[in-house]
Amino acid sequence: MVENPLAFEFSKTRTICEAFDEAWALLQDLGSDLTQAPKSLATRTILAKRIIEMANQGLRDIPKLRDDALAFIQHNPPSRVIAKGSAENHWSHGSLARRARGKAVEAV
C-alpha cells in the first residue's frame, strides 16, 4: 500500500476534528468576536492549522490539542488590533485553555 503524505489515518482525523470542534464551540460559547465575520474564517483557519501541526508532532489528546490551539490563537489572533470590549476582555478573566478545562469539568 502506498502511503499518501497528505492524508491522515482515520483516528488522527477524528481527533483533529473533535479538537477543532471543541475549540470553535468554546469561542462561540464565550461570545468571542473572533467567531464573527470578518474574523471567523481566519480564526477557523488558524485553529485548524495549529491543531494539525500539533497532531503531526504526535499530540493526540483532544483536550490538550484544543487548549494548545486556544492558547495559540490567544497570542496570535487574526487581527493584532482587537477592539476594546471584544475577545480581549474574555481573555482577561483567565486563559481560554483554563476556561476550556473548566467547561470540560462542568460537562462531567
PDB file of N, CA and C in Angstrom:
ATOM      1  N   MET A   1       0.846  -1.181   0.000  1.00  0.00           N
ATOM      2  CA  MET A   1       0.000   0.000   0.000  1.00  0.00           C
ATOM      3  C   MET A   1       0.896   1.250   0.000  1.00  0.00           C
ATOM      4  N   VAL A   2       0.606   2.184  -0.864  1.00  0.00           N
ATOM      5  CA  VAL A   2       1.360   3.422  -0.968  1.00  0.00           C
ATOM      6  C   VAL A   2       0.786   4.419   0.032  1.00  0.00           C
ATOM      7  N   GLU A   3       1.659   5.005   0.816  1.00  0.00           N
ATOM      8  CA  GLU A   3       1.225   5.976   1.810  1.00  0.00           C
ATOM      9  C   GLU A   3       1.148   7.360   1.187  1.00  0.00           C
ATOM     10  N   ASN A   4       0.053   8.042   1.447  1.00  0.00           N
ATOM     11  CA  ASN A   4      -0.139   9.401   0.941  1.00  0.00           C
ATOM     12  C   ASN A   4       0.247  10.373   2.044  1.00  0.00           C
ATOM     13  N   PRO A   5       1.304  11.178   1.863  1.00  0.00           N
ATOM     14  CA  PRO A   5       1.742  12.088   2.924  1.00  0.00           C
ATOM     15  C   PRO A   5       0.742  13.208   3.205  1.00  0.00           C
ATOM     16  N   LEU A   6      -0.260  13.385   2.339  1.00  0.00           N
ATOM     17  CA  LEU A   6      -1.255  14.430   2.550  1.00  0.00           C
ATOM     18  C   LEU A   6      -2.499  13.908   3.248  1.00  0.00           C
ATOM     19  N   ALA A   7      -2.569  12.622   3.492  1.00  0.00           N
ATOM     20  CA  ALA A   7      -3.739  12.023   4.128  1.00  0.00           C
ATOM     21  C   ALA A   7      -3.420  11.613   5.560  1.00  0.00           C
ATOM     22  N   PHE A   8      -4.457  11.603   6.389  1.00  0.00           N
ATOM     23  CA  PHE A   8      -4.313  11.184   7.787  1.00  0.00           C
ATOM     24  C   PHE A   8      -5.049   9.873   7.992  1.00  0.00           C
ATOM     25  N   GLU A   9      -4.593   9.093   8.954  1.00  0.00           N
ATOM     26  CA  GLU A   9      -5.338   7.898   9.330  1.00  0.00           C
ATOM     27  C   GLU A   9      -6.639   8.334   9.988  1.00  0.00           C
ATOM     28  N   PHE A  10      -7.634   7.458   9.991  1.00  0.00           N
ATOM     29  CA  PHE A  10      -8.965   7.811  10.471  1.00  0.00           C
ATOM     30  C   PHE A  10      -8.950   8.324  11.910  1.00  0.00           C
ATOM     31  N   SER A  11      -8.253   7.642  12.805  1.00  0.00           N
ATOM     32  CA  SER A  11      -8.265   8.056  14.213  1.00  0.00           C
ATOM     33  C   SER A  11      -7.633   9.433  14.394  1.00  0.00           C
ATOM     34  N   LYS A  12      -6.605   9.725  13.628  1.00  0.00           N
ATOM     35  CA  LYS A  12      -5.967  11.040  13.713  1.00  0.00           C
ATOM     36  C   LYS A  12      -6.911  12.116  13.178  1.00  0.00           C
ATOM     37  N   THR A  13      -7.589  11.811  12.078  1.00  0.00           N
ATOM     38  CA  THR A  13      -8.553  12.750  11.503  1.00  0.00           C
ATOM     39  C   THR A  13      -9.672  13.035  12.492  1.00  0.00           C
ATOM     40  N   ARG A  14     -10.158  12.004  13.121  1.00  0.00           N
ATOM     41  CA  ARG A  14     -11.244  12.169  14.096  1.00  0.00           C
ATOM     42  C   ARG A  14     -10.788  13.020  15.283  1.00  0.00           C
ATOM     43  N   THR A  15      -9.583  12.781  15.765  1.00  0.00           N
ATOM     44  CA  THR A  15      -9.025  13.547  16.876  1.00  0.00           C
ATOM     45  C   THR A  15      -8.896  15.019  16.497  1.00  0.00           C
ATOM     46  N   ILE A  16      -8.374  15.287  15.307  1.00  0.00           N
ATOM     47  CA  ILE A  16      -8.208  16.663  14.825  1.00  0.00           C
ATOM     48  C   ILE A  16      -9.578  17.348  14.746  1.00  0.00           C
ATOM     49  N   CYS A  17     -10.549  16.667  14.177  1.00  0.00           N
ATOM     50  CA  CYS A  17     -11.891  17.247  14.026  1.00  0.00           C
ATOM     51  C   CYS A  17     -12.537  17.537  15.376  1.00  0.00           C
ATOM     52  N   GLU A  18     -12.427  16.610  16.313  1.00  0.00           N
ATOM     53  CA  GLU A  18     -13.026  16.810  17.628  1.00  0.00           C
ATOM     54  C   GLU A  18     -12.358  17.964  18.377  1.00  0.00           C
ATOM     55  N   ALA A  19     -11.049  18.039  18.305  1.00  0.00           N
ATOM     56  CA  ALA A  19     -10.335  19.140  18.967  1.00  0.00           C
ATOM     57  C   ALA A  19     -10.739  20.476  18.360  1.00  0.00           C
ATOM     58  N   PHE A  20     -10.838  20.523  17.037  1.00  0.00           N
ATOM     59  CA  PHE A  20     -11.247  21.749  16.363  1.00  0.00           C
ATOM     60  C   PHE A  20     -12.679  22.132  16.757  1.00  0.00           C
ATOM     61  N   ASP A  21     -13.588  21.170  16.709  1.00  0.00           N
ATOM     62  CA  ASP A  21     -14.984  21.453  17.058  1.00  0.00           C
ATOM     63  C   ASP A  21     -15.114  21.967  18.487  1.00  0.00           C
ATOM     64  N   GLU A  22     -14.364  21.377  19.407  1.00  0.00           N
ATOM     65  CA  GLU A  22     -14.412  21.826  20.802  1.00  0.00           C
ATOM     66  C   GLU A  22     -13.851  23.244  20.952  1.00  0.00           C
ATOM     67  N   ALA A  23     -12.750  23.527  20.280  1.00  0.00           N
ATOM     68  CA  ALA A  23     -12.151  24.867  20.365  1.00  0.00           C
ATOM     69  C   ALA A  23     -13.096  25.914  19.789  1.00  0.00           C
ATOM     70  N   TRP A  24     -13.680  25.624  18.638  1.00  0.00           N
ATOM     71  CA  TRP A  24     -14.592  26.571  17.994  1.00  0.00           C
ATOM     72  C   TRP A  24     -15.840  26.781  18.851  1.00  0.00           C
ATOM     73  N   ALA A  25     -16.380  25.699  19.391  1.00  0.00           N
ATOM     74  CA  ALA A  25     -17.573  25.802  20.231  1.00  0.00           C
ATOM     75  C   ALA A  25     -17.299  26.645  21.472  1.00  0.00           C
ATOM     76  N   LEU A  26     -16.138  26.496  22.058  1.00  0.00           N
ATOM     77  CA  LEU A  26     -15.810  27.283  23.241  1.00  0.00           C
ATOM     78  C   LEU A  26     -15.750  28.768  22.892  1.00  0.00           C
ATOM     79  N   LEU A  27     -15.101  29.098  21.776  1.00  0.00           N
ATOM     80  CA  LEU A  27     -15.044  30.502  21.364  1.00  0.00           C
ATOM     81  C   LEU A  27     -16.454  31.055  21.136  1.00  0.00           C
ATOM     82  N   GLN A  28     -17.327  30.252  20.538  1.00  0.00           N
ATOM     83  CA  GLN A  28     -18.705  30.686  20.325  1.00  0.00           C
ATOM     84  C   GLN A  28     -19.441  30.856  21.652  1.00  0.00           C
ATOM     85  N   ASP A  29     -19.255  29.912  22.569  1.00  0.00           N
ATOM     86  CA  ASP A  29     -19.899  29.991  23.887  1.00  0.00           C
ATOM     87  C   ASP A  29     -19.477  31.243  24.646  1.00  0.00           C
ATOM     88  N   LEU A  30     -18.224  31.651  24.450  1.00  0.00           N
ATOM     89  CA  LEU A  30     -17.718  32.842  25.121  1.00  0.00           C
ATOM     90  C   LEU A  30     -18.214  34.128  24.455  1.00  0.00           C
ATOM     91  N   GLY A  31     -18.810  33.994  23.274  1.00  0.00           N
ATOM     92  CA  GLY A  31     -19.259  35.171  22.545  1.00  0.00           C
ATOM     93  C   GLY A  31     -18.103  35.961  21.957  1.00  0.00           C
ATOM     94  N   SER A  32     -16.997  35.280  21.690  1.00  0.00           N
ATOM     95  CA  SER A  32     -15.802  35.942  21.170  1.00  0.00           C
ATOM     96  C   SER A  32     -16.081  36.569  19.811  1.00  0.00           C
ATOM     97  N   ASP A  33     -15.558  37.776  19.614  1.00  0.00           N
ATOM     98  CA  ASP A  33     -15.701  38.417  18.307  1.00  0.00           C
ATOM     99  C   ASP A  33     -14.903  37.686  17.236  1.00  0.00           C
ATOM    100  N   LEU A  34     -14.010  36.790  17.628  1.00  0.00           N
ATOM    101  CA  LEU A  34     -13.242  36.011  16.662  1.00  0.00           C
ATOM    102  C   LEU A  34     -14.124  35.035  15.884  1.00  0.00           C
ATOM    103  N   THR A  35     -15.333  34.786  16.368  1.00  0.00           N
ATOM    104  CA  THR A  35     -16.254  33.884  15.670  1.00  0.00           C
ATOM    105  C   THR A  35     -17.183  34.642  14.729  1.00  0.00           C
ATOM    106  N   GLN A  36     -17.089  35.964  14.730  1.00  0.00           N
ATOM    107  CA  GLN A  36     -17.958  36.791  13.898  1.00  0.00           C
ATOM    108  C   GLN A  36     -17.234  37.207  12.625  1.00  0.00           C
ATOM    109  N   ALA A  37     -18.022  37.443  11.571  1.00  0.00           N
ATOM    110  CA  ALA A  37     -17.436  37.973  10.338  1.00  0.00           C
ATOM    111  C   ALA A  37     -16.840  39.328  10.661  1.00  0.00           C
ATOM    112  N   PRO A  38     -15.763  39.732  10.129  1.00  0.00           N
ATOM    113  CA  PRO A  38     -14.949  39.094   9.096  1.00  0.00           C
ATOM    114  C   PRO A  38     -13.828  38.223   9.645  1.00  0.00           C
ATOM    115  N   LYS A  39     -13.755  38.004  10.953  1.00  0.00           N
ATOM    116  CA  LYS A  39     -12.631  37.273  11.545  1.00  0.00           C
ATOM    117  C   LYS A  39     -12.837  35.764  11.598  1.00  0.00           C
ATOM    118  N   SER A  40     -14.066  35.284  11.397  1.00  0.00           N
ATOM    119  CA  SER A  40     -14.342  33.866  11.628  1.00  0.00           C
ATOM    120  C   SER A  40     -13.537  32.935  10.726  1.00  0.00           C
ATOM    121  N   LEU A  41     -13.425  33.247   9.451  1.00  0.00           N
ATOM    122  CA  LEU A  41     -12.671  32.372   8.552  1.00  0.00           C
ATOM    123  C   LEU A  41     -11.201  32.315   8.940  1.00  0.00           C
ATOM    124  N   ALA A  42     -10.620  33.453   9.240  1.00  0.00           N
ATOM    125  CA  ALA A  42      -9.212  33.484   9.654  1.00  0.00           C
ATOM    126  C   ALA A  42      -9.022  32.745  10.976  1.00  0.00           C
ATOM    127  N   THR A  43      -9.938  32.921  11.906  1.00  0.00           N
ATOM    128  CA  THR A  43      -9.854  32.238  13.197  1.00  0.00           C
ATOM    129  C   THR A  43      -9.921  30.734  13.011  1.00  0.00           C
ATOM    130  N   ARG A  44     -10.878  30.274  12.224  1.00  0.00           N
ATOM    131  CA  ARG A  44     -11.022  28.832  11.989  1.00  0.00           C
ATOM    132  C   ARG A  44      -9.775  28.265  11.309  1.00  0.00           C
ATOM    133  N   THR A  45      -9.210  29.023  10.386  1.00  0.00           N
ATOM    134  CA  THR A  45      -8.007  28.578   9.680  1.00  0.00           C
ATOM    135  C   THR A  45      -6.830  28.458  10.639  1.00  0.00           C
ATOM    136  N   ILE A  46      -6.650  29.452  11.497  1.00  0.00           N
ATOM    137  CA  ILE A  46      -5.554  29.422  12.475  1.00  0.00           C
ATOM    138  C   ILE A  46      -5.718  28.241  13.424  1.00  0.00           C
ATOM    139  N   LEU A  47      -6.945  28.048  13.939  1.00  0.00           N
ATOM    140  CA  LEU A  47      -7.199  26.918  14.840  1.00  0.00           C
ATOM    141  C   LEU A  47      -6.886  25.592  14.152  1.00  0.00           C
ATOM    142  N   ALA A  48      -7.400  25.419  12.937  1.00  0.00           N
ATOM    143  CA  ALA A  48      -7.203  24.152  12.217  1.00  0.00           C
ATOM    144  C   ALA A  48      -5.723  23.887  11.939  1.00  0.00           C
ATOM    145  N   LYS A  49      -5.020  24.895  11.457  1.00  0.00           N
ATOM    146  CA  LYS A  49      -3.598  24.708  11.150  1.00  0.00           C
ATOM    147  C   LYS A  49      -2.798  24.352  12.396  1.00  0.00           C
ATOM    148  N   ARG A  50      -3.108  25.009  13.508  1.00  0.00           N
ATOM    149  CA  ARG A  50      -2.370  24.725  14.743  1.00  0.00           C
ATOM    150  C   ARG A  50      -2.658  23.308  15.241  1.00  0.00           C
ATOM    151  N   ILE A  51      -3.915  22.906  15.197  1.00  0.00           N
ATOM    152  CA  ILE A  51      -4.279  21.559  15.655  1.00  0.00           C
ATOM    153  C   ILE A  51      -3.621  20.504  14.773  1.00  0.00           C
ATOM    154  N   ILE A  52      -3.636  20.711  13.466  1.00  0.00           N
ATOM    155  CA  ILE A  52      -2.988  19.770  12.547  1.00  0.00           C
ATOM    156  C   ILE A  52      -1.482  19.718  12.806  1.00  0.00           C
ATOM    157  N   GLU A  53      -0.879  20.888  12.991  1.00  0.00           N
ATOM    158  CA  GLU A  53       0.563  20.943  13.255  1.00  0.00           C
ATOM    159  C   GLU A  53       0.922  20.152  14.519  1.00  0.00           C
ATOM    160  N   MET A  54       0.163  20.359  15.580  1.00  0.00           N
ATOM    161  CA  MET A  54       0.469  19.667  16.833  1.00  0.00           C
ATOM    162  C   MET A  54       0.172  18.170  16.740  1.00  0.00           C
ATOM    163  N   ALA A  55      -0.878  17.805  16.012  1.00  0.00           N
ATOM    164  CA  ALA A  55      -1.183  16.381  15.812  1.00  0.00           C
ATOM    165  C   ALA A  55      -0.066  15.716  15.012  1.00  0.00           C
ATOM    166  N   ASN A  56       0.478  16.426  14.046  1.00  0.00           N
ATOM    167  CA  ASN A  56       1.598  15.891  13.267  1.00  0.00           C
ATOM    168  C   ASN A  56       2.853  15.721  14.110  1.00  0.00           C
ATOM    169  N   GLN A  57       2.946  16.480  15.194  1.00  0.00           N
ATOM    170  CA  GLN A  57       4.086  16.349  16.103  1.00  0.00           C
ATOM    171  C   GLN A  57       3.852  15.257  17.144  1.00  0.00           C
ATOM    172  N   GLY A  58       2.688  14.595  17.061  1.00  0.00           N
ATOM    173  CA  GLY A  58       2.425  13.455  17.938  1.00  0.00           C
ATOM    174  C   GLY A  58       1.425  13.688  19.042  1.00  0.00           C
ATOM    175  N   LEU A  59       0.935  14.902  19.212  1.00  0.00           N
ATOM    176  CA  LEU A  59      -0.056  15.176  20.246  1.00  0.00           C
ATOM    177  C   LEU A  59      -1.394  14.598  19.799  1.00  0.00           C
ATOM    178  N   ARG A  60      -1.981  13.718  20.615  1.00  0.00           N
ATOM    179  CA  ARG A  60      -3.226  13.064  20.225  1.00  0.00           C
ATOM    180  C   ARG A  60      -4.339  13.248  21.255  1.00  0.00           C
ATOM    181  N   ASP A  61      -4.061  13.930  22.338  1.00  0.00           N
ATOM    182  CA  ASP A  61      -5.052  14.149  23.384  1.00  0.00           C
ATOM    183  C   ASP A  61      -5.950  15.324  22.978  1.00  0.00           C
ATOM    184  N   ILE A  62      -7.246  15.079  22.820  1.00  0.00           N
ATOM    185  CA  ILE A  62      -8.164  16.101  22.320  1.00  0.00           C
ATOM    186  C   ILE A  62      -8.167  17.348  23.204  1.00  0.00           C
ATOM    187  N   PRO A  63      -8.327  17.234  24.527  1.00  0.00           N
ATOM    188  CA  PRO A  63      -8.299  18.456  25.340  1.00  0.00           C
ATOM    189  C   PRO A  63      -6.979  19.221  25.235  1.00  0.00           C
ATOM    190  N   LYS A  64      -5.868  18.512  25.128  1.00  0.00           N
ATOM    191  CA  LYS A  64      -4.576  19.196  25.000  1.00  0.00           C
ATOM    192  C   LYS A  64      -4.453  19.892  23.645  1.00  0.00           C
ATOM    193  N   LEU A  65      -4.934  19.247  22.592  1.00  0.00           N
ATOM    194  CA  LEU A  65      -4.928  19.887  21.272  1.00  0.00           C
ATOM    195  C   LEU A  65      -5.807  21.132  21.277  1.00  0.00           C
ATOM    196  N   ARG A  66      -6.989  21.013  21.863  1.00  0.00           N
ATOM    197  CA  ARG A  66      -7.917  22.141  21.959  1.00  0.00           C
ATOM    198  C   ARG A  66      -7.292  23.283  22.740  1.00  0.00           C
ATOM    199  N   ASP A  67      -6.751  22.973  23.902  1.00  0.00           N
ATOM    200  CA  ASP A  67      -6.165  24.002  24.762  1.00  0.00           C
ATOM    201  C   ASP A  67      -4.966  24.669  24.101  1.00  0.00           C
ATOM    202  N   ASP A  68      -4.146  23.877  23.422  1.00  0.00           N
ATOM    203  CA  ASP A  68      -2.994  24.440  22.733  1.00  0.00           C
ATOM    204  C   ASP A  68      -3.447  25.399  21.628  1.00  0.00           C
ATOM    205  N   ALA A  69      -4.450  25.002  20.866  1.00  0.00           N
ATOM    206  CA  ALA A  69      -4.950  25.863  19.786  1.00  0.00           C
ATOM    207  C   ALA A  69      -5.548  27.151  20.340  1.00  0.00           C
ATOM    208  N   LEU A  70      -6.268  27.052  21.454  1.00  0.00           N
ATOM    209  CA  LEU A  70      -6.860  28.251  22.067  1.00  0.00           C
ATOM    210  C   LEU A  70      -5.773  29.179  22.608  1.00  0.00           C
ATOM    211  N   ALA A  71      -4.756  28.597  23.218  1.00  0.00           N
ATOM    212  CA  ALA A  71      -3.644  29.421  23.711  1.00  0.00           C
ATOM    213  C   ALA A  71      -2.917  30.074  22.535  1.00  0.00           C
ATOM    214  N   PHE A  72      -2.754  29.323  21.449  1.00  0.00           N
ATOM    215  CA  PHE A  72      -2.071  29.857  20.272  1.00  0.00           C
ATOM    216  C   PHE A  72      -2.847  31.035  19.681  1.00  0.00           C
ATOM    217  N   ILE A  73      -4.160  30.876  19.545  1.00  0.00           N
ATOM    218  CA  ILE A  73      -4.948  31.960  18.943  1.00  0.00           C
ATOM    219  C   ILE A  73      -5.045  33.151  19.887  1.00  0.00           C
ATOM    220  N   GLN A  74      -4.944  32.896  21.171  1.00  0.00           N
ATOM    221  CA  GLN A  74      -4.946  33.996  22.135  1.00  0.00           C
ATOM    222  C   GLN A  74      -3.737  34.898  21.899  1.00  0.00           C
ATOM    223  N   HIS A  75      -2.599  34.295  21.578  1.00  0.00           N
ATOM    224  CA  HIS A  75      -1.373  35.056  21.367  1.00  0.00           C
ATOM    225  C   HIS A  75      -1.155  35.436  19.903  1.00  0.00           C
ATOM    226  N   ASN A  76      -1.929  34.849  19.007  1.00  0.00           N
ATOM    227  CA  ASN A  76      -1.793  35.101  17.568  1.00  0.00           C
ATOM    228  C   ASN A  76      -3.163  35.292  16.931  1.00  0.00           C
ATOM    229  N   PRO A  77      -3.927  36.273  17.371  1.00  0.00           N
ATOM    230  CA  PRO A  77      -5.273  36.463  16.817  1.00  0.00           C
ATOM    231  C   PRO A  77      -5.207  36.889  15.353  1.00  0.00           C
ATOM    232  N   PRO A  78      -6.301  36.685  14.600  1.00  0.00           N
ATOM    233  CA  PRO A  78      -6.321  37.071  13.190  1.00  0.00           C
ATOM    234  C   PRO A  78      -5.959  38.536  12.986  1.00  0.00           C
ATOM    235  N   SER A  79      -6.350  39.357  13.912  1.00  0.00           N
ATOM    236  CA  SER A  79      -6.015  40.773  13.842  1.00  0.00           C
ATOM    237  C   SER A  79      -5.343  41.141  15.150  1.00  0.00           C
ATOM    238  N   ARG A  80      -4.135  41.637  15.086  1.00  0.00           N
ATOM    239  CA  ARG A  80      -3.427  42.020  16.311  1.00  0.00           C
ATOM    240  C   ARG A  80      -4.120  43.179  17.007  1.00  0.00           C
ATOM    241  N   VAL A  81      -4.933  43.919  16.271  1.00  0.00           N
ATOM    242  CA  VAL A  81      -5.662  45.037  16.859  1.00  0.00           C
ATOM    243  C   VAL A  81      -7.047  44.531  17.225  1.00  0.00           C
ATOM    244  N   ILE A  82      -7.255  44.297  18.517  1.00  0.00           N
ATOM    245  CA  ILE A  82      -8.541  43.800  18.990  1.00  0.00           C
ATOM    246  C   ILE A  82      -9.306  44.973  19.578  1.00  0.00           C
ATOM    247  N   ALA A  83     -10.508  45.139  19.086  1.00  0.00           N
ATOM    248  CA  ALA A  83     -11.321  46.266  19.542  1.00  0.00           C
ATOM    249  C   ALA A  83     -11.602  46.154  21.029  1.00  0.00           C
ATOM    250  N   LYS A  84     -11.600  47.285  21.689  1.00  0.00           N
ATOM    251  CA  LYS A  84     -11.894  47.312  23.123  1.00  0.00           C
ATOM    252  C   LYS A  84     -13.287  46.744  23.344  1.00  0.00           C
ATOM    253  N   GLY A  85     -13.396  45.859  24.351  1.00  0.00           N
ATOM    254  CA  GLY A  85     -14.677  45.255  24.662  1.00  0.00           C
ATOM    255  C   GLY A  85     -14.933  43.969  23.892  1.00  0.00           C
ATOM    256  N   SER A  86     -13.930  43.464  23.199  1.00  0.00           N
ATOM    257  CA  SER A  86     -14.122  42.253  22.411  1.00  0.00           C
ATOM    258  C   SER A  86     -13.463  41.070  23.098  1.00  0.00           C
ATOM    259  N   ALA A  87     -12.845  40.196  22.312  1.00  0.00           N
ATOM    260  CA  ALA A  87     -12.241  38.969  22.845  1.00  0.00           C
ATOM    261  C   ALA A  87     -11.196  39.266  23.903  1.00  0.00           C
ATOM    262  N   GLU A  88     -10.545  40.414  23.804  1.00  0.00           N
ATOM    263  CA  GLU A  88      -9.526  40.759  24.793  1.00  0.00           C
ATOM    264  C   GLU A  88     -10.111  40.713  26.200  1.00  0.00           C
ATOM    265  N   ASN A  89     -11.330  41.180  26.365  1.00  0.00           N
ATOM    266  CA  ASN A  89     -11.969  41.167  27.675  1.00  0.00           C
ATOM    267  C   ASN A  89     -12.295  39.753  28.124  1.00  0.00           C
ATOM    268  N   HIS A  90     -12.653  38.866  27.200  1.00  0.00           N
ATOM    269  CA  HIS A  90     -12.914  37.477  27.578  1.00  0.00           C
ATOM    270  C   HIS A  90     -11.651  36.851  28.136  1.00  0.00           C
ATOM    271  N   TRP A  91     -10.507  37.186  27.559  1.00  0.00           N
ATOM    272  CA  TRP A  91      -9.261  36.570  27.974  1.00  0.00           C
ATOM    273  C   TRP A  91      -8.734  37.165  29.265  1.00  0.00           C
ATOM    274  N   SER A  92      -9.152  38.363  29.611  1.00  0.00           N
ATOM    275  CA  SER A  92      -8.614  38.986  30.808  1.00  0.00           C
ATOM    276  C   SER A  92      -9.090  38.274  32.074  1.00  0.00           C
ATOM    277  N   HIS A  93     -10.143  37.488  31.972  1.00  0.00           N
ATOM    278  CA  HIS A  93     -10.654  36.769  33.139  1.00  0.00           C
ATOM    279  C   HIS A  93     -10.020  35.394  33.298  1.00  0.00           C
ATOM    280  N   GLY A  94      -9.077  35.061  32.480  1.00  0.00           N
ATOM    281  CA  GLY A  94      -8.396  33.766  32.545  1.00  0.00           C
ATOM    282  C   GLY A  94      -8.146  33.277  31.144  1.00  0.00           C
ATOM    283  N   SER A  95      -7.188  32.413  31.006  1.00  0.00           N
ATOM    284  CA  SER A  95      -6.840  31.952  29.675  1.00  0.00           C
ATOM    285  C   SER A  95      -7.958  31.101  29.082  1.00  0.00           C
ATOM    286  N   LEU A  96      -8.012  31.059  27.773  1.00  0.00           N
ATOM    287  CA  LEU A  96      -9.011  30.234  27.097  1.00  0.00           C
ATOM    288  C   LEU A  96      -8.825  28.771  27.447  1.00  0.00           C
ATOM    289  N   ALA A  97      -7.588  28.333  27.580  1.00  0.00           N
ATOM    290  CA  ALA A  97      -7.333  26.931  27.903  1.00  0.00           C
ATOM    291  C   ALA A  97      -7.905  26.584  29.271  1.00  0.00           C
ATOM    292  N   ARG A  98      -7.708  27.469  30.248  1.00  0.00           N
ATOM    293  CA  ARG A  98      -8.274  27.208  31.582  1.00  0.00           C
ATOM    294  C   ARG A  98      -9.789  27.187  31.519  1.00  0.00           C
ATOM    295  N   ARG A  99     -10.377  28.075  30.749  1.00  0.00           N
ATOM    296  CA  ARG A  99     -11.833  28.104  30.616  1.00  0.00           C
ATOM    297  C   ARG A  99     -12.336  26.843  29.930  1.00  0.00           C
ATOM    298  N   ALA A 100     -11.585  26.346  28.947  1.00  0.00           N
ATOM    299  CA  ALA A 100     -11.976  25.113  28.260  1.00  0.00           C
ATOM    300  C   ALA A 100     -11.951  23.945  29.223  1.00  0.00           C
ATOM    301  N   ARG A 101     -10.907  23.871  30.046  1.00  0.00           N
ATOM    302  CA  ARG A 101     -10.837  22.778  31.032  1.00  0.00           C
ATOM    303  C   ARG A 101     -11.994  22.873  32.015  1.00  0.00           C
ATOM    304  N   GLY A 102     -12.353  24.080  32.397  1.00  0.00           N
ATOM    305  CA  GLY A 102     -13.490  24.277  33.304  1.00  0.00           C
ATOM    306  C   GLY A 102     -14.789  23.790  32.693  1.00  0.00           C
ATOM    307  N   LYS A 103     -14.996  24.064  31.411  1.00  0.00           N
ATOM    308  CA  LYS A 103     -16.191  23.618  30.726  1.00  0.00           C
ATOM    309  C   LYS A 103     -16.222  22.101  30.652  1.00  0.00           C
ATOM    310  N   ALA A 104     -15.057  21.481  30.424  1.00  0.00           N
ATOM    311  CA  ALA A 104     -14.986  20.039  30.356  1.00  0.00           C
ATOM    312  C   ALA A 104     -15.354  19.422  31.697  1.00  0.00           C
ATOM    313  N   VAL A 105     -14.928  20.046  32.791  1.00  0.00           N
ATOM    314  CA  VAL A 105     -15.253  19.542  34.121  1.00  0.00           C
ATOM    315  C   VAL A 105     -16.745  19.694  34.387  1.00  0.00           C
ATOM    316  N   GLU A 106     -17.343  20.821  33.963  1.00  0.00           N
ATOM    317  CA  GLU A 106     -18.781  21.039  34.141  1.00  0.00           C
ATOM    318  C   GLU A 106     -19.600  19.984  33.416  1.00  0.00           C
ATOM    319  N   ALA A 107     -19.104  19.531  32.251  1.00  0.00           N
ATOM    320  CA  ALA A 107     -19.843  18.577  31.434  1.00  0.00           C
ATOM    321  C   ALA A 107     -19.854  17.182  32.043  1.00  0.00           C
ATOM    322  N   VAL A 108     -18.905  16.887  32.929  1.00  0.00           N
ATOM    323  CA  VAL A 108     -18.807  15.552  33.529  1.00  0.00           C
ATOM    324  C   VAL A 108     -19.842  15.352  34.600  1.00  0.00           C
TER     325      VAL A 108
END
